[in-house]
N, C-alpha and C. Protein backbone atom coordinates (compact mmCIF):
# COMPACT_ATOMS: atom_id res chain seq x y z
N MET A 1 70.73 133.55 262.28
CA MET A 1 69.51 133.27 263.24
C MET A 1 69.71 131.85 262.81
N ILE A 2 70.03 130.55 263.07
CA ILE A 2 70.02 129.16 262.55
C ILE A 2 68.45 128.70 262.05
N ILE A 3 68.01 128.49 261.49
CA ILE A 3 66.41 127.69 260.96
C ILE A 3 66.59 126.36 260.75
N GLY A 4 67.06 125.51 260.29
CA GLY A 4 67.20 124.65 260.14
C GLY A 4 66.74 124.07 258.92
N PRO A 5 66.41 122.91 258.61
CA PRO A 5 65.74 122.15 257.16
C PRO A 5 64.42 122.82 256.79
N LYS A 6 64.59 123.82 256.22
CA LYS A 6 63.25 124.80 255.30
C LYS A 6 62.62 123.97 254.81
N PHE A 7 62.67 122.66 253.84
CA PHE A 7 61.49 121.96 253.10
C PHE A 7 60.91 121.61 254.49
N LYS A 8 61.76 120.90 255.39
CA LYS A 8 60.67 120.40 256.04
C LYS A 8 59.93 121.29 257.12
N ILE A 9 60.63 122.34 257.31
CA ILE A 9 59.84 123.09 258.42
C ILE A 9 58.27 123.65 257.92
N ALA A 10 59.10 124.04 256.30
CA ALA A 10 57.61 124.21 255.15
C ALA A 10 56.69 123.68 255.24
N LYS A 11 57.42 122.15 255.11
CA LYS A 11 55.96 121.30 254.46
C LYS A 11 54.97 121.12 256.22
N ARG A 12 55.98 121.26 256.82
CA ARG A 12 55.11 120.96 258.61
C ARG A 12 54.00 122.10 258.76
N LEU A 13 54.04 123.48 258.22
CA LEU A 13 53.96 124.83 258.23
C LEU A 13 52.52 124.77 257.37
N GLY A 14 52.96 124.06 256.24
CA GLY A 14 52.06 123.75 255.25
C GLY A 14 51.90 125.65 253.78
N ALA A 15 53.04 126.18 253.99
CA ALA A 15 53.59 127.21 253.09
C ALA A 15 54.38 127.59 253.19
N ALA A 16 54.79 127.72 251.45
CA ALA A 16 55.84 127.90 251.13
C ALA A 16 56.67 129.65 252.02
N ILE A 17 56.61 129.12 253.57
CA ILE A 17 57.44 130.52 253.65
C ILE A 17 59.16 130.69 253.52
N PHE A 18 59.53 129.52 252.77
CA PHE A 18 60.99 130.32 251.95
C PHE A 18 61.10 130.55 251.50
N GLU A 19 61.88 131.33 250.43
CA GLU A 19 61.62 131.36 249.02
C GLU A 19 62.47 130.05 247.67
N LYS A 20 63.20 128.94 248.67
CA LYS A 20 63.86 127.57 247.99
C LYS A 20 62.40 126.29 248.36
N THR A 21 61.42 127.21 248.74
CA THR A 21 60.17 126.71 248.91
C THR A 21 58.90 126.78 247.72
N GLN A 22 59.73 128.67 247.53
CA GLN A 22 58.30 129.00 246.72
C GLN A 22 58.70 128.37 244.60
N THR A 23 58.60 126.92 244.83
CA THR A 23 58.77 126.28 243.43
C THR A 23 57.70 125.23 243.24
N GLU A 24 58.10 124.31 242.07
CA GLU A 24 56.89 123.71 241.60
C GLU A 24 57.12 122.65 242.12
N LYS A 25 58.23 121.97 242.44
CA LYS A 25 58.92 120.86 243.37
C LYS A 25 58.20 120.84 244.49
N PHE A 26 57.92 121.96 245.52
CA PHE A 26 57.01 121.99 246.83
C PHE A 26 55.88 122.03 246.50
N ALA A 27 55.21 122.43 245.81
CA ALA A 27 53.39 122.15 245.98
C ALA A 27 53.60 121.40 244.97
N LEU A 28 54.35 120.23 244.44
CA LEU A 28 53.75 118.44 243.99
C LEU A 28 54.03 118.05 245.20
N SER A 29 55.21 117.85 246.24
CA SER A 29 55.17 117.29 247.41
C SER A 29 54.07 117.71 248.54
N GLN A 30 53.33 118.67 248.58
CA GLN A 30 52.39 119.22 249.15
C GLN A 30 51.24 118.11 249.06
N ALA A 31 50.71 117.96 247.36
CA ALA A 31 49.81 117.79 246.83
C ALA A 31 50.34 116.11 247.20
N ARG A 32 51.51 115.71 247.22
CA ARG A 32 51.39 113.83 247.09
C ARG A 32 51.05 113.69 248.40
N GLY A 33 51.43 114.82 249.40
CA GLY A 33 50.87 114.29 250.68
C GLY A 33 50.09 114.48 251.50
N GLY A 34 49.16 115.35 250.97
CA GLY A 34 47.61 115.10 250.84
C GLY A 34 47.31 114.12 250.31
N ARG A 35 47.57 113.38 249.66
CA ARG A 35 47.11 112.33 249.36
C ARG A 35 47.48 110.85 249.55
N ARG A 36 48.06 111.12 250.65
CA ARG A 36 48.73 109.76 250.98
C ARG A 36 48.06 109.15 252.32
N THR A 37 47.92 110.43 252.26
CA THR A 37 46.95 109.80 254.72
C THR A 37 45.51 109.63 253.65
N SER A 38 44.94 108.03 254.17
CA SER A 38 43.73 107.64 254.45
C SER A 38 42.77 108.33 255.60
N LYS A 39 43.49 108.77 256.47
CA LYS A 39 42.77 109.31 257.61
C LYS A 39 42.16 110.86 257.94
N ARG A 40 41.10 110.86 258.44
CA ARG A 40 40.27 111.99 258.19
C ARG A 40 41.22 112.81 259.49
N PRO A 41 41.57 114.10 258.47
CA PRO A 41 42.36 115.52 259.10
C PRO A 41 41.46 115.48 260.58
N SER A 42 42.42 115.69 261.70
CA SER A 42 41.76 116.26 262.85
C SER A 42 41.67 117.58 263.03
N GLN A 43 40.74 117.79 264.11
CA GLN A 43 40.44 119.38 264.06
C GLN A 43 41.28 120.29 264.58
N ALA A 44 41.97 121.00 264.47
CA ALA A 44 43.09 121.67 264.66
C ALA A 44 42.76 123.38 265.86
N SER A 45 43.29 122.89 266.92
CA SER A 45 42.94 123.55 268.38
C SER A 45 42.70 125.34 268.03
N ASP A 46 42.18 125.59 268.92
CA ASP A 46 42.78 127.51 268.36
C ASP A 46 44.03 127.78 268.87
N TYR A 47 44.91 126.92 270.10
CA TYR A 47 46.39 127.67 270.04
C TYR A 47 47.00 127.21 268.38
N LYS A 48 47.06 125.81 268.45
CA LYS A 48 47.95 125.21 267.11
C LYS A 48 47.24 125.99 266.00
N ARG A 49 46.29 126.47 265.76
CA ARG A 49 46.26 127.21 264.37
C ARG A 49 47.13 128.58 264.75
N GLN A 50 46.91 128.93 265.56
CA GLN A 50 47.38 130.44 265.86
C GLN A 50 49.61 130.20 266.13
N LEU A 51 49.75 129.63 267.03
CA LEU A 51 51.12 129.07 267.09
C LEU A 51 51.48 128.19 265.27
N ILE A 52 50.91 128.02 264.48
CA ILE A 52 51.85 127.77 263.03
C ILE A 52 51.53 129.16 262.48
N GLU A 53 50.56 129.66 262.67
CA GLU A 53 50.39 130.94 261.95
C GLU A 53 51.75 132.27 262.52
N LYS A 54 51.89 131.96 263.56
CA LYS A 54 53.00 132.97 264.88
C LYS A 54 54.42 132.23 263.56
N GLN A 55 54.57 131.15 263.62
CA GLN A 55 55.41 130.69 263.44
C GLN A 55 55.94 130.74 261.47
N LYS A 56 55.03 131.16 261.09
CA LYS A 56 54.85 131.43 259.51
C LYS A 56 55.55 132.99 259.59
N MET A 57 55.44 133.46 260.27
CA MET A 57 55.58 135.07 260.10
C MET A 57 57.12 135.12 260.87
N ARG A 58 57.27 134.66 261.83
CA ARG A 58 58.21 134.70 261.96
C ARG A 58 59.35 134.11 260.66
N PHE A 59 59.43 132.55 260.62
CA PHE A 59 60.37 132.49 259.70
C PHE A 59 60.39 132.72 258.03
N SER A 60 58.90 133.68 257.55
CA SER A 60 58.95 134.86 256.51
C SER A 60 60.10 135.66 256.57
N TYR A 61 59.89 136.29 258.00
CA TYR A 61 61.05 137.36 258.25
C TYR A 61 61.96 137.14 258.52
N GLY A 62 62.40 135.74 258.83
CA GLY A 62 63.66 135.23 259.56
C GLY A 62 64.31 136.16 261.30
N ILE A 63 63.41 136.61 261.14
CA ILE A 63 63.23 136.99 263.45
C ILE A 63 63.34 135.71 263.94
N THR A 64 63.24 136.30 265.53
CA THR A 64 63.49 135.38 266.74
C THR A 64 62.31 135.82 267.08
N GLU A 65 62.09 134.82 268.05
CA GLU A 65 60.58 134.91 269.17
C GLU A 65 60.66 136.25 269.81
N LYS A 66 62.23 136.61 270.08
CA LYS A 66 62.22 137.49 271.47
C LYS A 66 61.74 139.25 270.43
N GLN A 67 62.32 138.54 269.03
CA GLN A 67 62.03 140.19 268.05
C GLN A 67 60.47 139.99 268.03
N LEU A 68 59.94 139.45 267.64
CA LEU A 68 58.13 138.78 267.43
C LEU A 68 57.25 139.65 268.03
N ARG A 69 58.31 139.26 269.44
CA ARG A 69 57.23 139.80 270.74
C ARG A 69 57.42 140.69 271.30
N ARG A 70 58.81 141.27 270.44
CA ARG A 70 58.54 142.79 271.14
C ARG A 70 58.16 143.63 269.74
N TYR A 71 58.10 142.82 268.83
CA TYR A 71 57.49 144.09 267.88
C TYR A 71 56.01 143.67 267.97
N VAL A 72 55.01 142.51 268.56
CA VAL A 72 53.60 142.61 268.74
C VAL A 72 53.42 143.21 270.10
N ASP A 73 54.30 143.92 270.65
CA ASP A 73 53.82 144.45 271.90
C ASP A 73 53.58 145.34 271.90
N GLU A 74 54.80 146.44 271.24
CA GLU A 74 55.09 147.94 270.46
C GLU A 74 54.09 147.93 270.20
N SER A 75 53.15 147.07 268.86
CA SER A 75 51.83 147.10 267.99
C SER A 75 50.68 147.34 268.62
N ILE A 76 50.92 146.72 269.67
CA ILE A 76 49.33 147.00 271.32
C ILE A 76 49.65 148.14 271.38
N ALA A 77 50.87 148.39 272.11
CA ALA A 77 51.07 150.00 273.46
C ALA A 77 51.09 150.85 272.40
N LYS A 78 51.30 151.00 271.11
CA LYS A 78 51.35 152.19 270.45
C LYS A 78 50.12 152.23 268.81
N SER A 79 49.47 151.59 268.70
CA SER A 79 48.65 152.15 268.12
C SER A 79 47.30 151.08 267.85
N HIS A 80 46.10 151.89 267.42
CA HIS A 80 44.51 151.50 267.67
C HIS A 80 44.38 150.73 266.18
N GLN A 81 45.55 150.19 265.87
CA GLN A 81 45.52 149.21 264.48
C GLN A 81 46.60 148.22 264.49
N PRO A 82 46.96 147.86 265.58
CA PRO A 82 47.82 146.78 265.72
C PRO A 82 48.49 146.06 264.76
N ILE A 83 47.49 145.36 263.77
CA ILE A 83 47.91 144.64 262.95
C ILE A 83 48.83 145.23 261.77
N ALA A 84 48.16 146.29 261.47
CA ALA A 84 48.65 147.44 260.48
C ALA A 84 50.04 147.76 260.87
N HIS A 85 50.28 148.41 262.25
CA HIS A 85 51.49 148.14 262.76
C HIS A 85 52.48 147.17 262.75
N LEU A 86 52.19 146.45 263.27
CA LEU A 86 53.11 145.39 263.33
C LEU A 86 53.68 144.81 261.43
N MET A 87 53.11 144.99 260.60
CA MET A 87 52.88 144.48 259.39
C MET A 87 53.48 145.34 258.72
N GLU A 88 53.41 146.87 258.88
CA GLU A 88 54.51 148.01 258.93
C GLU A 88 55.89 147.52 259.39
N ARG A 89 55.98 147.39 260.64
CA ARG A 89 57.11 147.36 261.62
C ARG A 89 58.14 146.03 260.50
N LEU A 90 57.55 145.25 260.78
CA LEU A 90 58.30 143.67 259.88
C LEU A 90 58.26 144.43 258.06
N GLU A 91 57.51 145.34 257.45
CA GLU A 91 58.08 145.31 256.02
C GLU A 91 59.41 146.17 256.47
N THR A 92 59.25 147.79 257.17
CA THR A 92 60.34 148.18 257.23
C THR A 92 61.30 148.18 257.83
N ARG A 93 61.39 146.89 258.30
CA ARG A 93 63.45 146.45 258.48
C ARG A 93 63.93 147.02 257.28
N LEU A 94 65.15 146.64 258.02
CA LEU A 94 66.18 147.44 256.54
C LEU A 94 66.22 145.88 255.27
N ASP A 95 66.88 145.14 256.20
CA ASP A 95 66.86 144.14 255.60
C ASP A 95 66.14 143.33 254.96
N ASN A 96 64.66 143.77 255.54
CA ASN A 96 63.49 143.04 254.15
C ASN A 96 63.34 144.45 253.17
N THR A 97 63.71 145.67 253.60
CA THR A 97 63.54 146.92 252.31
C THR A 97 64.43 146.55 251.14
N VAL A 98 65.34 146.28 252.00
CA VAL A 98 66.74 145.76 250.87
C VAL A 98 66.36 145.22 250.14
N TYR A 99 65.19 143.56 250.89
CA TYR A 99 64.91 142.89 249.83
C TYR A 99 63.63 142.96 248.90
N ARG A 100 63.02 144.06 249.08
CA ARG A 100 61.70 144.55 248.53
C ARG A 100 62.59 144.98 247.27
N LEU A 101 63.44 146.13 247.57
CA LEU A 101 64.08 146.56 246.42
C LEU A 101 65.00 145.60 245.23
N GLY A 102 65.28 144.18 245.48
CA GLY A 102 65.72 143.60 244.60
C GLY A 102 66.92 143.53 244.44
N LEU A 103 67.23 144.03 245.96
CA LEU A 103 68.88 144.32 245.95
C LEU A 103 69.38 143.27 246.75
N ALA A 104 68.70 142.27 246.80
CA ALA A 104 69.25 140.40 247.29
C ALA A 104 67.73 139.60 247.10
N LYS A 105 68.12 138.57 246.55
CA LYS A 105 67.21 137.76 245.95
C LYS A 105 66.28 137.12 247.24
N THR A 106 67.03 136.93 248.29
CA THR A 106 66.20 135.98 249.75
C THR A 106 66.13 137.27 250.84
N ARG A 107 65.38 137.05 251.64
CA ARG A 107 65.72 138.16 252.65
C ARG A 107 66.61 137.25 253.65
N ARG A 108 66.87 136.28 253.60
CA ARG A 108 68.52 135.85 254.55
C ARG A 108 69.64 136.67 253.65
N PHE A 109 69.52 136.61 252.67
CA PHE A 109 70.30 137.36 251.49
C PHE A 109 70.92 138.82 252.21
N ALA A 110 69.51 139.45 252.35
CA ALA A 110 69.81 140.89 252.21
C ALA A 110 69.81 140.95 254.10
N ARG A 111 69.98 139.95 254.87
CA ARG A 111 70.26 140.23 256.04
C ARG A 111 72.01 140.27 256.07
N GLN A 112 72.61 139.32 255.55
CA GLN A 112 73.88 138.90 254.92
C GLN A 112 74.42 140.10 254.84
N VAL A 113 74.03 141.24 253.53
CA VAL A 113 74.31 142.08 252.70
C VAL A 113 74.53 143.24 253.86
N VAL A 114 73.57 143.00 254.44
CA VAL A 114 73.23 144.50 255.62
C VAL A 114 74.32 143.99 256.57
N ALA A 115 74.37 142.71 256.92
CA ALA A 115 75.20 142.96 257.60
C ALA A 115 76.97 143.16 257.88
N HIS A 116 76.83 142.96 256.15
CA HIS A 116 78.61 142.51 256.19
C HIS A 116 79.13 143.75 255.65
N GLY A 117 78.18 145.53 255.77
CA GLY A 117 78.16 146.80 255.78
C GLY A 117 78.51 146.86 253.92
N HIS A 118 77.29 146.35 253.41
CA HIS A 118 77.57 146.94 252.25
C HIS A 118 76.56 147.97 252.10
N ILE A 119 75.82 148.01 252.52
CA ILE A 119 74.73 149.20 252.38
C ILE A 119 74.74 150.72 253.36
N LYS A 120 74.67 151.56 252.61
CA LYS A 120 74.32 152.70 253.67
C LYS A 120 72.65 153.39 253.82
N VAL A 121 72.85 154.27 254.35
CA VAL A 121 71.27 154.66 254.83
C VAL A 121 71.90 156.37 254.57
N ASN A 122 71.16 157.25 254.22
CA ASN A 122 71.86 158.56 254.13
C ASN A 122 72.70 158.80 254.66
N GLY A 123 73.33 158.01 253.56
CA GLY A 123 74.95 158.11 253.75
C GLY A 123 75.85 157.68 254.67
N LYS A 124 75.48 157.19 255.48
CA LYS A 124 75.90 156.95 256.81
C LYS A 124 75.93 154.99 256.36
N LYS A 125 76.95 154.26 256.48
CA LYS A 125 77.05 152.58 257.05
C LYS A 125 76.08 152.50 257.50
N LEU A 126 75.09 151.34 257.57
CA LEU A 126 74.52 150.87 258.46
C LEU A 126 74.59 149.33 258.17
N GLY A 127 74.88 148.48 259.45
CA GLY A 127 75.12 147.13 259.14
C GLY A 127 73.87 146.33 260.61
N ILE A 128 72.61 147.31 260.74
CA ILE A 128 71.93 146.62 261.53
C ILE A 128 70.95 146.22 260.53
N PRO A 129 70.24 144.72 260.31
CA PRO A 129 68.96 144.65 259.79
C PRO A 129 68.08 144.50 260.50
N SER A 130 68.00 144.96 261.11
CA SER A 130 66.78 145.19 261.87
C SER A 130 66.12 146.89 262.13
N HIS A 131 66.96 147.94 261.68
CA HIS A 131 66.88 148.88 261.78
C HIS A 131 65.70 149.49 260.91
N LYS A 132 65.00 150.82 261.41
CA LYS A 132 63.00 150.59 260.73
C LYS A 132 63.20 152.27 260.04
N MET A 133 63.42 151.57 258.96
CA MET A 133 62.90 153.20 257.96
C MET A 133 61.66 153.56 257.66
N LYS A 134 62.70 155.19 257.38
CA LYS A 134 61.46 156.14 257.62
C LYS A 134 61.13 156.49 255.96
N VAL A 135 59.64 157.40 255.83
CA VAL A 135 59.68 158.40 254.62
C VAL A 135 60.84 159.11 254.15
N GLY A 136 61.36 158.97 253.27
CA GLY A 136 62.32 160.07 253.21
C GLY A 136 63.81 159.54 253.19
N ASP A 137 63.75 158.36 253.68
CA ASP A 137 64.89 157.68 253.87
C ASP A 137 66.28 157.17 252.69
N VAL A 138 67.19 157.59 252.33
CA VAL A 138 68.01 157.21 251.14
C VAL A 138 68.50 156.13 251.21
N ILE A 139 68.55 154.81 250.70
CA ILE A 139 69.60 153.88 250.26
C ILE A 139 70.38 153.69 249.58
N THR A 140 71.86 153.60 250.03
CA THR A 140 72.82 153.36 248.67
C THR A 140 73.39 152.06 248.99
N VAL A 141 73.90 151.70 247.98
CA VAL A 141 74.98 150.41 247.81
C VAL A 141 76.23 151.35 247.94
N ARG A 142 77.31 150.99 249.31
CA ARG A 142 78.27 151.26 249.53
C ARG A 142 79.52 151.31 248.28
N GLU A 143 80.19 152.69 247.54
CA GLU A 143 80.65 152.80 246.84
C GLU A 143 81.78 151.09 246.53
N GLY A 144 82.25 150.79 247.70
CA GLY A 144 83.22 149.81 247.54
C GLY A 144 82.88 148.59 247.26
N SER A 145 81.52 147.92 247.26
CA SER A 145 80.47 147.24 247.02
C SER A 145 80.09 147.08 245.62
N LYS A 146 79.94 148.56 245.05
CA LYS A 146 79.34 148.75 243.80
C LYS A 146 80.05 147.25 242.73
N GLN A 147 81.31 147.27 242.45
CA GLN A 147 81.29 145.89 241.62
C GLN A 147 81.46 145.14 242.09
N SER A 148 81.31 144.86 243.55
CA SER A 148 81.38 142.72 243.91
C SER A 148 80.69 142.00 243.06
N GLY A 149 80.84 141.04 243.34
CA GLY A 149 79.93 139.86 242.71
C GLY A 149 78.56 140.12 242.98
N ILE A 150 78.46 140.52 243.80
CA ILE A 150 76.91 141.08 244.18
C ILE A 150 76.15 141.93 243.43
N PHE A 151 76.59 142.90 243.43
CA PHE A 151 75.53 144.14 242.76
C PHE A 151 76.24 144.40 241.25
N ASN A 152 77.59 144.34 240.93
CA ASN A 152 77.91 144.19 239.52
C ASN A 152 77.21 144.02 237.89
N MET A 153 76.46 142.68 238.25
CA MET A 153 75.05 142.99 237.36
C MET A 153 74.05 143.00 237.65
N LEU A 154 73.73 143.56 238.72
CA LEU A 154 72.48 143.23 238.74
C LEU A 154 71.42 144.62 238.30
N ALA A 155 71.70 145.18 237.60
CA ALA A 155 71.35 145.97 236.20
C ALA A 155 70.75 145.65 235.26
N ASP A 156 71.09 144.40 234.60
CA ASP A 156 70.68 143.01 233.86
C ASP A 156 69.76 142.32 234.51
N THR A 157 69.75 141.75 235.19
CA THR A 157 68.96 140.98 235.88
C THR A 157 67.77 141.47 236.79
N HIS A 158 67.66 143.02 237.55
CA HIS A 158 66.94 142.88 238.00
C HIS A 158 65.22 142.89 237.56
N GLU A 159 64.51 142.74 238.08
CA GLU A 159 62.67 143.14 238.11
C GLU A 159 62.08 144.65 238.73
N ALA A 160 62.18 145.12 237.79
CA ALA A 160 61.55 146.43 238.14
C ALA A 160 60.27 146.63 238.88
N THR A 161 59.48 145.43 238.24
CA THR A 161 58.11 145.20 238.49
C THR A 161 57.86 144.81 239.77
N GLY A 162 58.99 144.14 240.28
CA GLY A 162 58.81 143.69 241.71
C GLY A 162 58.40 144.50 242.75
N VAL A 163 59.42 145.49 242.81
CA VAL A 163 59.62 146.61 243.44
C VAL A 163 57.86 146.87 243.89
N PRO A 164 57.76 147.11 245.34
CA PRO A 164 56.54 148.03 245.96
C PRO A 164 56.61 149.39 245.61
N THR A 165 55.03 149.57 245.86
CA THR A 165 54.97 151.26 245.20
C THR A 165 55.30 152.02 246.71
N TRP A 166 56.25 151.63 247.57
CA TRP A 166 56.21 152.68 248.98
C TRP A 166 58.11 152.55 248.63
N LEU A 167 58.43 151.99 247.02
CA LEU A 167 60.15 152.56 248.03
C LEU A 167 60.06 153.10 246.16
N SER A 168 61.09 153.28 246.06
CA SER A 168 61.04 153.60 244.31
C SER A 168 63.31 153.39 244.64
N ILE A 169 63.58 153.20 243.29
CA ILE A 169 65.28 152.81 243.34
C ILE A 169 65.78 153.13 241.62
N ASP A 170 66.62 153.25 241.49
CA ASP A 170 67.51 153.88 240.49
C ASP A 170 68.48 152.75 240.26
N ILE A 171 68.22 151.63 239.46
CA ILE A 171 69.00 150.28 239.78
C ILE A 171 70.64 150.69 239.35
N LYS A 172 70.22 151.72 238.24
CA LYS A 172 71.56 151.73 237.79
C LYS A 172 72.92 152.36 238.53
N LYS A 173 72.20 153.47 239.43
CA LYS A 173 73.05 154.11 240.16
C LYS A 173 73.09 153.96 241.87
N LEU A 174 71.87 151.84 242.02
CA LEU A 174 72.29 151.42 242.70
C LEU A 174 71.55 152.71 244.55
N THR A 175 70.52 153.35 243.79
CA THR A 175 70.39 154.08 244.92
C THR A 175 68.63 154.07 244.77
N ALA A 176 68.11 153.78 246.08
CA ALA A 176 66.78 153.81 246.43
C ALA A 176 66.21 155.12 247.73
N THR A 177 64.98 155.32 247.51
CA THR A 177 64.27 156.12 248.73
C THR A 177 62.87 155.57 248.94
N VAL A 178 62.88 155.39 250.42
CA VAL A 178 61.23 155.35 250.74
C VAL A 178 60.54 156.37 250.59
N THR A 179 59.49 156.33 249.14
CA THR A 179 58.99 157.24 249.18
C THR A 179 57.29 157.20 250.28
N GLY A 180 56.96 155.90 250.92
CA GLY A 180 55.80 155.61 251.59
C GLY A 180 56.03 155.07 252.62
N LEU A 181 54.81 154.09 252.77
CA LEU A 181 54.70 153.48 254.06
C LEU A 181 53.81 152.01 253.19
N PRO A 182 54.74 150.78 253.97
CA PRO A 182 54.00 149.64 253.27
C PRO A 182 52.38 150.09 253.94
N VAL A 183 51.26 149.20 253.24
CA VAL A 183 49.80 148.59 253.78
C VAL A 183 49.74 147.34 253.56
N PHE A 184 49.25 146.41 254.21
CA PHE A 184 49.24 145.15 254.11
C PHE A 184 48.45 144.94 253.65
N ASN A 185 48.74 143.51 252.57
CA ASN A 185 47.18 143.19 251.92
C ASN A 185 47.37 141.53 252.24
N PRO A 186 46.09 141.31 252.89
CA PRO A 186 46.11 139.50 253.56
C PRO A 186 45.92 138.74 252.16
N ALA A 187 45.73 139.20 250.89
CA ALA A 187 45.90 138.19 250.12
C ALA A 187 47.58 137.99 249.03
N GLU A 188 48.46 138.81 249.92
CA GLU A 188 49.48 138.48 249.43
C GLU A 188 50.70 137.88 250.40
N ALA A 189 49.72 137.62 251.79
CA ALA A 189 50.52 137.29 252.74
C ALA A 189 50.23 135.83 252.67
N LEU A 190 51.30 135.02 253.43
CA LEU A 190 51.64 133.91 253.46
C LEU A 190 51.44 133.35 255.20
N PHE A 191 50.80 133.61 255.81
CA PHE A 191 50.18 133.94 257.37
C PHE A 191 49.36 135.08 257.72
N ASP A 192 48.59 134.59 258.58
CA ASP A 192 47.28 135.16 259.52
C ASP A 192 47.75 136.04 259.87
N PRO A 193 48.05 137.36 260.17
CA PRO A 193 48.33 138.55 261.49
C PRO A 193 47.68 138.26 262.37
N GLU A 194 46.37 138.37 261.78
CA GLU A 194 45.42 138.45 263.28
C GLU A 194 45.35 137.10 264.06
N GLN A 195 45.59 136.26 263.76
CA GLN A 195 45.87 134.83 264.42
C GLN A 195 47.16 134.87 265.30
N VAL A 196 48.18 135.88 264.85
CA VAL A 196 49.36 135.72 265.32
C VAL A 196 49.13 136.62 266.29
N MET A 197 48.11 137.60 266.43
CA MET A 197 48.10 138.39 267.88
C MET A 197 47.17 138.08 268.47
N GLU A 198 46.40 136.92 268.67
CA GLU A 198 45.28 136.44 269.26
C GLU A 198 46.21 135.10 269.64
N TYR A 199 47.66 134.72 269.48
CA TYR A 199 48.36 133.67 270.26
C TYR A 199 49.27 134.64 271.05
N TYR A 200 49.33 135.83 271.15
CA TYR A 200 49.98 136.99 272.09
C TYR A 200 49.25 137.34 273.06
N SER A 201 48.11 137.15 272.73
CA SER A 201 46.88 138.36 273.51
C SER A 201 46.53 137.01 274.70
N ARG A 202 47.10 135.63 274.22
CA ARG A 202 46.38 134.48 275.99
C ARG A 202 46.33 135.12 276.91
């Protein structure tokens, strides 16, 4: 998916939704931008606020509008807690799981790693980034990929503390397991999923 100039998009949405904008430079730019204007900020409409939160969510996970709409519709149809269901579906995408495990530095790179056939799920090579992971699923790096530049030094640089509690990983063997389900923590999110649900319920 072609996104465009990430710095400009993140600045327009007012959130560091891309890894490259999660820097001190971006924060300083946001602060300077806030001091430049002498005009009073206009009150955003409900629609605009909802649209911005929807775009934050979409760009954070690197998914298309069509995919997000499908996830929202599925969450409303299948669960009495659609927000929790939606966040669980986004977090358990294979590309996001690879990212959360620390096997790739960004979600975008994780999507490439999966699409290029470096990852196996339950012993089978799987190149579908949107594949939904389930409790008990085992993720391994394909044997032929372990010595590639992507993974051969990962054991030395991997940050185990960043791996969420619903996943476990043996970084030396490049093997991981889905041990539970993700639980959404609003304090850690860069967007408001409630506003996203309201956007699609219009």
